[in-house]
PDB file of N, CA and C in Angstrom:
ATOM      1  N   UNK A   1     -27.657  99.220  94.229  1.00  0.00           N
ATOM      2  CA  UNK A   1     -27.829  97.956  93.554  1.00  0.00           C
ATOM      3  C   UNK A   1     -28.866  97.141  94.316  1.00  0.00           C
ATOM      4  N   UNK A   2     -29.783  96.535  93.578  1.00  0.00           N
ATOM      5  CA  UNK A   2     -30.820  95.720  94.176  1.00  0.00           C
ATOM      6  C   UNK A   2     -30.748  94.314  93.615  1.00  0.00           C
ATOM      7  N   UNK A   3     -31.351  93.390  94.318  1.00  0.00           N
ATOM      8  CA  UNK A   3     -31.404  92.009  93.854  1.00  0.00           C
ATOM      9  C   UNK A   3     -32.861  91.693  93.528  1.00  0.00           C
ATOM     10  N   UNK A   4     -33.091  91.187  92.313  1.00  0.00           N
ATOM     11  CA  UNK A   4     -34.429  90.783  91.898  1.00  0.00           C
ATOM     12  C   UNK A   4     -34.356  89.390  91.310  1.00  0.00           C
ATOM     13  N   UNK A   5     -35.503  88.748  91.174  1.00  0.00           N
ATOM     14  CA  UNK A   5     -35.551  87.402  90.606  1.00  0.00           C
ATOM     15  C   UNK A   5     -35.782  87.492  89.099  1.00  0.00           C
ATOM     16  N   UNK A   6     -34.994  86.752  88.340  1.00  0.00           N
ATOM     17  CA  UNK A   6     -35.162  86.673  86.889  1.00  0.00           C
ATOM     18  C   UNK A   6     -36.478  85.960  86.601  1.00  0.00           C
ATOM     19  N   UNK A   7     -37.337  86.516  85.734  1.00  0.00           N
ATOM     20  CA  UNK A   7     -38.613  85.860  85.439  1.00  0.00           C
ATOM     21  C   UNK A   7     -38.457  84.537  84.685  1.00  0.00           C
ATOM     22  N   UNK A   8     -37.306  84.307  84.027  1.00  0.00           N
ATOM     23  CA  UNK A   8     -37.097  83.076  83.264  1.00  0.00           C
ATOM     24  C   UNK A   8     -36.575  81.947  84.136  1.00  0.00           C
ATOM     25  N   UNK A   9     -35.438  82.184  84.791  1.00  0.00           N
ATOM     26  CA  UNK A   9     -34.814  81.104  85.569  1.00  0.00           C
ATOM     27  C   UNK A   9     -35.083  81.222  87.068  1.00  0.00           C
ATOM     28  N   UNK A  10     -35.720  82.315  87.493  1.00  0.00           N
ATOM     29  CA  UNK A  10     -36.086  82.573  88.888  1.00  0.00           C
ATOM     30  C   UNK A  10     -34.890  82.643  89.833  1.00  0.00           C
ATOM     31  N   UNK A  11     -33.719  82.902  89.287  1.00  0.00           N
ATOM     32  CA  UNK A  11     -32.528  83.074  90.118  1.00  0.00           C
ATOM     33  C   UNK A  11     -32.412  84.542  90.515  1.00  0.00           C
ATOM     34  N   UNK A  12     -31.876  84.799  91.699  1.00  0.00           N
ATOM     35  CA  UNK A  12     -31.642  86.168  92.137  1.00  0.00           C
ATOM     36  C   UNK A  12     -30.482  86.755  91.350  1.00  0.00           C
ATOM     37  N   UNK A  13     -30.703  87.934  90.783  1.00  0.00           N
ATOM     38  CA  UNK A  13     -29.648  88.631  90.041  1.00  0.00           C
ATOM     39  C   UNK A  13     -29.559  90.056  90.548  1.00  0.00           C
ATOM     40  N   UNK A  14     -28.376  90.651  90.422  1.00  0.00           N
ATOM     41  CA  UNK A  14     -28.171  92.023  90.853  1.00  0.00           C
ATOM     42  C   UNK A  14     -28.682  92.967  89.771  1.00  0.00           C
ATOM     43  N   UNK A  15     -29.485  93.932  90.186  1.00  0.00           N
ATOM     44  CA  UNK A  15     -30.068  94.900  89.277  1.00  0.00           C
ATOM     45  C   UNK A  15     -29.339  96.215  89.476  1.00  0.00           C
ATOM     46  N   UNK A  16     -28.707  96.698  88.419  1.00  0.00           N
ATOM     47  CA  UNK A  16     -27.939  97.932  88.500  1.00  0.00           C
ATOM     48  C   UNK A  16     -28.012  98.615  87.144  1.00  0.00           C
ATOM     49  N   UNK A  17     -28.339  99.891  87.129  1.00  0.00           N
ATOM     50  CA  UNK A  17     -28.436 100.631  85.865  1.00  0.00           C
ATOM     51  C   UNK A  17     -27.115 100.638  85.107  1.00  0.00           C
ATOM     52  N   UNK A  18     -26.003 100.434  85.803  1.00  0.00           N
ATOM     53  CA  UNK A  18     -24.695 100.412  85.141  1.00  0.00           C
ATOM     54  C   UNK A  18     -24.480  99.137  84.327  1.00  0.00           C
ATOM     55  N   UNK A  19     -25.353  98.140  84.477  1.00  0.00           N
ATOM     56  CA  UNK A  19     -25.223  96.891  83.737  1.00  0.00           C
ATOM     57  C   UNK A  19     -26.032  96.878  82.445  1.00  0.00           C
ATOM     58  N   UNK A  20     -26.662  98.001  82.090  1.00  0.00           N
ATOM     59  CA  UNK A  20     -27.429  98.063  80.854  1.00  0.00           C
ATOM     60  C   UNK A  20     -26.500  97.965  79.646  1.00  0.00           C
ATOM     61  N   UNK A  21     -26.962  97.258  78.622  1.00  0.00           N
ATOM     62  CA  UNK A  21     -26.202  97.119  77.382  1.00  0.00           C
ATOM     63  C   UNK A  21     -27.085  97.563  76.228  1.00  0.00           C
ATOM     64  N   UNK A  22     -26.480  98.247  75.269  1.00  0.00           N
ATOM     65  CA  UNK A  22     -27.218  98.726  74.098  1.00  0.00           C
ATOM     66  C   UNK A  22     -27.504  97.555  73.173  1.00  0.00           C
ATOM     67  N   UNK A  23     -28.782  97.379  72.828  1.00  0.00           N
ATOM     68  CA  UNK A  23     -29.196  96.315  71.922  1.00  0.00           C
ATOM     69  C   UNK A  23     -30.178  96.931  70.935  1.00  0.00           C
ATOM     70  N   UNK A  24     -29.686  97.302  69.772  1.00  0.00           N
ATOM     71  CA  UNK A  24     -30.514  98.004  68.790  1.00  0.00           C
ATOM     72  C   UNK A  24     -30.864  99.387  69.301  1.00  0.00           C
ATOM     73  N   UNK A  25     -32.152  99.670  69.368  1.00  0.00           N
ATOM     74  CA  UNK A  25     -32.627 100.970  69.846  1.00  0.00           C
ATOM     75  C   UNK A  25     -32.908 100.984  71.347  1.00  0.00           C
ATOM     76  N   UNK A  26     -32.756  99.861  72.018  1.00  0.00           N
ATOM     77  CA  UNK A  26     -33.105  99.736  73.432  1.00  0.00           C
ATOM     78  C   UNK A  26     -31.867  99.489  74.285  1.00  0.00           C
ATOM     79  N   UNK A  27     -31.982  99.806  75.548  1.00  0.00           N
ATOM     80  CA  UNK A  27     -30.986  99.461  76.555  1.00  0.00           C
ATOM     81  C   UNK A  27     -31.556  98.285  77.331  1.00  0.00           C
ATOM     82  N   UNK A  28     -30.804  97.197  77.396  1.00  0.00           N
ATOM     83  CA  UNK A  28     -31.298  95.939  77.948  1.00  0.00           C
ATOM     84  C   UNK A  28     -30.395  95.469  79.079  1.00  0.00           C
ATOM     85  N   UNK A  29     -31.020  94.883  80.093  1.00  0.00           N
ATOM     86  CA  UNK A  29     -30.269  94.220  81.149  1.00  0.00           C
ATOM     87  C   UNK A  29     -30.617  92.735  81.071  1.00  0.00           C
ATOM     88  N   UNK A  30     -29.601  91.914  80.978  1.00  0.00           N
ATOM     89  CA  UNK A  30     -29.814  90.472  80.867  1.00  0.00           C
ATOM     90  C   UNK A  30     -29.447  89.787  82.174  1.00  0.00           C
ATOM     91  N   UNK A  31     -30.071  88.652  82.420  1.00  0.00           N
ATOM     92  CA  UNK A  31     -29.800  87.840  83.600  1.00  0.00           C
ATOM     93  C   UNK A  31     -28.364  87.326  83.543  1.00  0.00           C
ATOM     94  N   UNK A  32     -27.662  87.429  84.641  1.00  0.00           N
ATOM     95  CA  UNK A  32     -26.277  86.936  84.706  1.00  0.00           C
ATOM     96  C   UNK A  32     -26.216  85.420  84.629  1.00  0.00           C
ATOM     97  N   UNK A  33     -27.320  84.749  85.000  1.00  0.00           N
ATOM     98  CA  UNK A  33     -27.331  83.283  85.051  1.00  0.00           C
ATOM     99  C   UNK A  33     -27.724  82.661  83.715  1.00  0.00           C
ATOM    100  N   UNK A  34     -28.915  83.056  83.172  1.00  0.00           N
ATOM    101  CA  UNK A  34     -29.416  82.412  81.955  1.00  0.00           C
ATOM    102  C   UNK A  34     -29.224  83.256  80.697  1.00  0.00           C
ATOM    103  N   UNK A  35     -28.938  84.544  80.853  1.00  0.00           N
ATOM    104  CA  UNK A  35     -28.698  85.409  79.702  1.00  0.00           C
ATOM    105  C   UNK A  35     -29.940  86.037  79.101  1.00  0.00           C
ATOM    106  N   UNK A  36     -31.128  85.678  79.571  1.00  0.00           N
ATOM    107  CA  UNK A  36     -32.353  86.251  79.025  1.00  0.00           C
ATOM    108  C   UNK A  36     -32.515  87.702  79.488  1.00  0.00           C
ATOM    109  N   UNK A  37     -32.940  88.588  78.575  1.00  0.00           N
ATOM    110  CA  UNK A  37     -33.173  89.981  78.985  1.00  0.00           C
ATOM    111  C   UNK A  37     -34.417  90.072  79.873  1.00  0.00           C
ATOM    112  N   UNK A  38     -34.295  90.806  80.984  1.00  0.00           N
ATOM    113  CA  UNK A  38     -35.442  90.949  81.877  1.00  0.00           C
ATOM    114  C   UNK A  38     -35.815  92.395  82.130  1.00  0.00           C
ATOM    115  N   UNK A  39     -35.077  93.327  81.503  1.00  0.00           N
ATOM    116  CA  UNK A  39     -35.350  94.754  81.687  1.00  0.00           C
ATOM    117  C   UNK A  39     -34.934  95.458  80.419  1.00  0.00           C
ATOM    118  N   UNK A  40     -35.803  96.312  79.882  1.00  0.00           N
ATOM    119  CA  UNK A  40     -35.517  96.996  78.630  1.00  0.00           C
ATOM    120  C   UNK A  40     -36.109  98.395  78.679  1.00  0.00           C
ATOM    121  N   UNK A  41     -35.311  99.392  78.311  1.00  0.00           N
ATOM    122  CA  UNK A  41     -35.778 100.784  78.286  1.00  0.00           C
ATOM    123  C   UNK A  41     -35.245 101.475  77.035  1.00  0.00           C
ATOM    124  N   UNK A  42     -35.927 102.541  76.637  1.00  0.00           N
ATOM    125  CA  UNK A  42     -35.449 103.359  75.532  1.00  0.00           C
ATOM    126  C   UNK A  42     -34.360 104.295  76.053  1.00  0.00           C
ATOM    127  N   UNK A  43     -33.700 104.984  75.145  1.00  0.00           N
ATOM    128  CA  UNK A  43     -32.662 105.957  75.534  1.00  0.00           C
ATOM    129  C   UNK A  43     -33.255 107.046  76.425  1.00  0.00           C
ATOM    130  N   UNK A  44     -34.442 107.540  76.055  1.00  0.00           N
ATOM    131  CA  UNK A  44     -35.092 108.586  76.834  1.00  0.00           C
ATOM    132  C   UNK A  44     -35.465 108.089  78.237  1.00  0.00           C
ATOM    133  N   UNK A  45     -36.018 106.889  78.315  1.00  0.00           N
ATOM    134  CA  UNK A  45     -36.377 106.314  79.619  1.00  0.00           C
ATOM    135  C   UNK A  45     -35.141 106.105  80.486  1.00  0.00           C
ATOM    136  N   UNK A  46     -34.058 105.643  79.875  1.00  0.00           N
ATOM    137  CA  UNK A  46     -32.812 105.429  80.615  1.00  0.00           C
ATOM    138  C   UNK A  46     -32.315 106.737  81.212  1.00  0.00           C
ATOM    139  N   UNK A  47     -32.330 107.816  80.412  1.00  0.00           N
ATOM    140  CA  UNK A  47     -31.867 109.114  80.904  1.00  0.00           C
ATOM    141  C   UNK A  47     -32.771 109.650  82.006  1.00  0.00           C
ATOM    142  N   UNK A  48     -34.073 109.413  81.898  1.00  0.00           N
ATOM    143  CA  UNK A  48     -34.999 109.842  82.949  1.00  0.00           C
ATOM    144  C   UNK A  48     -34.728 109.096  84.255  1.00  0.00           C
ATOM    145  N   UNK A  49     -34.490 107.805  84.163  1.00  0.00           N
ATOM    146  CA  UNK A  49     -34.201 107.001  85.355  1.00  0.00           C
ATOM    147  C   UNK A  49     -32.891 107.460  85.992  1.00  0.00           C
ATOM    148  N   UNK A  50     -31.852 107.630  85.175  1.00  0.00           N
ATOM    149  CA  UNK A  50     -30.561 108.071  85.709  1.00  0.00           C
ATOM    150  C   UNK A  50     -30.660 109.469  86.309  1.00  0.00           C
ATOM    151  N   UNK A  51     -31.448 110.347  85.689  1.00  0.00           N
ATOM    152  CA  UNK A  51     -31.665 111.678  86.251  1.00  0.00           C
ATOM    153  C   UNK A  51     -32.351 111.611  87.608  1.00  0.00           C
ATOM    154  N   UNK A  52     -33.327 110.719  87.741  1.00  0.00           N
ATOM    155  CA  UNK A  52     -34.006 110.528  89.020  1.00  0.00           C
ATOM    156  C   UNK A  52     -33.064 109.997  90.087  1.00  0.00           C
ATOM    157  N   UNK A  53     -32.186 109.082  89.688  1.00  0.00           N
ATOM    158  CA  UNK A  53     -31.196 108.542  90.625  1.00  0.00           C
ATOM    159  C   UNK A  53     -30.258 109.650  91.091  1.00  0.00           C
ATOM    160  N   UNK A  54     -29.803 110.478  90.155  1.00  0.00           N
ATOM    161  CA  UNK A  54     -28.900 111.586  90.517  1.00  0.00           C
ATOM    162  C   UNK A  54     -29.588 112.567  91.460  1.00  0.00           C
ATOM    163  N   UNK A  55     -30.852 112.908  91.184  1.00  0.00           N
ATOM    164  CA  UNK A  55     -31.588 113.816  92.069  1.00  0.00           C
ATOM    165  C   UNK A  55     -31.758 113.210  93.458  1.00  0.00           C
ATOM    166  N   UNK A  56     -32.076 111.937  93.517  1.00  0.00           N
ATOM    167  CA  UNK A  56     -32.244 111.260  94.803  1.00  0.00           C
ATOM    168  C   UNK A  56     -30.943 111.286  95.593  1.00  0.00           C
ATOM    169  N   UNK A  57     -29.835 110.952  94.929  1.00  0.00           N
ATOM    170  CA  UNK A  57     -28.545 110.948  95.613  1.00  0.00           C
ATOM    171  C   UNK A  57     -28.163 112.337  96.092  1.00  0.00           C
ATOM    172  N   UNK A  58     -28.538 113.369  95.334  1.00  0.00           N
ATOM    173  CA  UNK A  58     -28.152 114.736  95.684  1.00  0.00           C
ATOM    174  C   UNK A  58     -29.014 115.340  96.786  1.00  0.00           C
ATOM    175  N   UNK A  59     -30.315 115.010  96.821  1.00  0.00           N
ATOM    176  CA  UNK A  59     -31.216 115.731  97.705  1.00  0.00           C
ATOM    177  C   UNK A  59     -31.871 114.915  98.814  1.00  0.00           C
ATOM    178  N   UNK A  60     -31.809 113.597  98.762  1.00  0.00           N
ATOM    179  CA  UNK A  60     -32.412 112.790  99.824  1.00  0.00           C
ATOM    180  C   UNK A  60     -31.327 112.466 100.842  1.00  0.00           C
ATOM    181  N   UNK A  61     -31.578 112.781 102.101  1.00  0.00           N
ATOM    182  CA  UNK A  61     -30.532 112.544 103.104  1.00  0.00           C
ATOM    183  C   UNK A  61     -30.237 111.057 103.289  1.00  0.00           C
ATOM    184  N   UNK A  62     -28.999 110.784 103.583  1.00  0.00           N
ATOM    185  CA  UNK A  62     -28.575 109.413 103.865  1.00  0.00           C
ATOM    186  C   UNK A  62     -28.881 109.135 105.332  1.00  0.00           C
ATOM    187  N   UNK A  63     -30.065 108.616 105.589  1.00  0.00           N
ATOM    188  CA  UNK A  63     -30.551 108.423 106.954  1.00  0.00           C
ATOM    189  C   UNK A  63     -29.662 107.452 107.728  1.00  0.00           C
ATOM    190  N   UNK A  64     -29.248 106.375 107.096  1.00  0.00           N
ATOM    191  CA  UNK A  64     -28.426 105.384 107.796  1.00  0.00           C
ATOM    192  C   UNK A  64     -27.101 105.998 108.220  1.00  0.00           C
ATOM    193  N   UNK A  65     -26.459 106.735 107.320  1.00  0.00           N
ATOM    194  CA  UNK A  65     -25.187 107.386 107.663  1.00  0.00           C
ATOM    195  C   UNK A  65     -25.391 108.421 108.766  1.00  0.00           C
ATOM    196  N   UNK A  66     -26.465 109.198 108.659  1.00  0.00           N
ATOM    197  CA  UNK A  66     -26.745 110.208 109.678  1.00  0.00           C
ATOM    198  C   UNK A  66     -26.993 109.560 111.031  1.00  0.00           C
ATOM    199  N   UNK A  67     -27.698 108.447 111.070  1.00  0.00           N
ATOM    200  CA  UNK A  67     -27.980 107.750 112.321  1.00  0.00           C
ATOM    201  C   UNK A  67     -26.681 107.255 112.954  1.00  0.00           C
ATOM    202  N   UNK A  68     -25.795 106.676 112.139  1.00  0.00           N
ATOM    203  CA  UNK A  68     -24.541 106.148 112.674  1.00  0.00           C
ATOM    204  C   UNK A  68     -23.604 107.247 113.164  1.00  0.00           C
ATOM    205  N   UNK A  69     -23.739 108.446 112.606  1.00  0.00           N
ATOM    206  CA  UNK A  69     -22.855 109.524 113.035  1.00  0.00           C
ATOM    207  C   UNK A  69     -23.374 110.239 114.282  1.00  0.00           C
ATOM    208  N   UNK A  70     -24.612 109.963 114.682  1.00  0.00           N
ATOM    209  CA  UNK A  70     -25.188 110.578 115.878  1.00  0.00           C
ATOM    210  C   UNK A  70     -24.868 109.756 117.124  1.00  0.00           C
ATOM    211  N   UNK A  71     -24.910 110.417 118.252  1.00  0.00           N
ATOM    212  CA  UNK A  71     -24.775 109.726 119.531  1.00  0.00           C
ATOM    213  C   UNK A  71     -26.163 109.204 119.906  1.00  0.00           C
ATOM    214  N   UNK A  72     -26.425 107.942 119.604  1.00  0.00           N
ATOM    215  CA  UNK A  72     -27.768 107.390 119.779  1.00  0.00           C
ATOM    216  C   UNK A  72     -27.962 106.713 121.132  1.00  0.00           C
ATOM    217  N   UNK A  73     -26.930 106.659 121.943  1.00  0.00           N
ATOM    218  CA  UNK A  73     -27.060 105.989 123.237  1.00  0.00           C
ATOM    219  C   UNK A  73     -28.096 106.669 124.129  1.00  0.00           C
ATOM    220  N   UNK A  74     -28.222 107.972 124.029  1.00  0.00           N
ATOM    221  CA  UNK A  74     -29.133 108.710 124.903  1.00  0.00           C
ATOM    222  C   UNK A  74     -30.513 108.925 124.298  1.00  0.00           C
ATOM    223  N   UNK A  75     -30.762 108.398 123.117  1.00  0.00           N
ATOM    224  CA  UNK A  75     -32.076 108.547 122.500  1.00  0.00           C
ATOM    225  C   UNK A  75     -33.032 107.482 123.033  1.00  0.00           C
ATOM    226  N   UNK A  76     -34.320 107.825 123.192  1.00  0.00           N
ATOM    227  CA  UNK A  76     -35.274 106.824 123.673  1.00  0.00           C
ATOM    228  C   UNK A  76     -35.505 105.751 122.611  1.00  0.00           C
ATOM    229  N   UNK A  77     -35.820 104.559 123.066  1.00  0.00           N
ATOM    230  CA  UNK A  77     -36.076 103.473 122.133  1.00  0.00           C
ATOM    231  C   UNK A  77     -37.558 103.403 121.753  1.00  0.00           C
ATOM    232  N   UNK A  78     -38.370 104.211 122.400  1.00  0.00           N
ATOM    233  CA  UNK A  78     -39.805 104.236 122.095  1.00  0.00           C
ATOM    234  C   UNK A  78     -40.187 105.621 121.602  1.00  0.00           C
ATOM    235  N   UNK A  79     -41.167 105.654 120.749  1.00  0.00           N
ATOM    236  CA  UNK A  79     -41.678 106.921 120.239  1.00  0.00           C
ATOM    237  C   UNK A  79     -43.106 107.069 120.724  1.00  0.00           C
ATOM    238  N   UNK A  80     -43.428 108.242 121.216  1.00  0.00           N
ATOM    239  CA  UNK A  80     -44.784 108.498 121.682  1.00  0.00           C
ATOM    240  C   UNK A  80     -45.371 109.684 120.941  1.00  0.00           C
ATOM    241  N   UNK A  81     -46.683 109.687 120.819  1.00  0.00           N
ATOM    242  CA  UNK A  81     -47.371 110.781 120.149  1.00  0.00           C
ATOM    243  C   UNK A  81     -48.317 111.434 121.142  1.00  0.00           C
ATOM    244  N   UNK A  82     -48.412 112.721 121.058  1.00  0.00           N
ATOM    245  CA  UNK A  82     -49.321 113.468 121.924  1.00  0.00           C
ATOM    246  C   UNK A  82     -50.750 113.303 121.469  1.00  0.00           C
ATOM    247  N   UNK A  83     -51.621 114.020 122.164  1.00  0.00           N
ATOM    248  CA  UNK A  83     -53.041 113.971 121.848  1.00  0.00           C
ATOM    249  C   UNK A  83     -53.291 114.615 120.483  1.00  0.00           C
ATOM    250  N   UNK A  84     -54.155 113.985 119.707  1.00  0.00           N
ATOM    251  CA  UNK A  84     -54.500 114.535 118.401  1.00  0.00           C
ATOM    252  C   UNK A  84     -55.620 115.545 118.600  1.00  0.00           C
ATOM    253  N   UNK A  85     -55.387 116.747 118.128  1.00  0.00           N
ATOM    254  CA  UNK A  85     -56.331 117.821 118.315  1.00  0.00           C
ATOM    255  C   UNK A  85     -57.204 117.973 117.086  1.00  0.00           C
ATOM    256  N   UNK A  86     -58.481 118.144 117.290  1.00  0.00           N
ATOM    257  CA  UNK A  86     -59.407 118.326 116.183  1.00  0.00           C
ATOM    258  C   UNK A  86     -59.350 119.779 115.747  1.00  0.00           C
ATOM    259  N   UNK A  87     -59.292 120.011 114.428  1.00  0.00           N
ATOM    260  CA  UNK A  87     -59.292 121.392 113.933  1.00  0.00           C
ATOM    261  C   UNK A  87     -60.444 121.577 112.955  1.00  0.00           C
ATOM    262  N   UNK A  88     -60.870 122.798 112.846  1.00  0.00           N
ATOM    263  CA  UNK A  88     -62.000 123.103 111.944  1.00  0.00           C
ATOM    264  C   UNK A  88     -61.494 123.594 110.627  1.00  0.00           C
TER     265      UNK A  88
END
């Protein structure tokens, strides 16, 4: 879930694909504060977005969770890079 500003009332609203509502042929997300729609997609676009979300959740590692599960006390706080070698 993300927070974005409504273009009408400029209030911060939570953006979540689960809040889409069917309005005619489109799926619309309306501002929780003023009620104006600020996001609209077709059925096909909605399925593509949800498919992308599912793929991301399935295949992109949860870096924050992985970091918290590691013993980070012994890791250096600085990162260094070696010499860059020229290749032909």
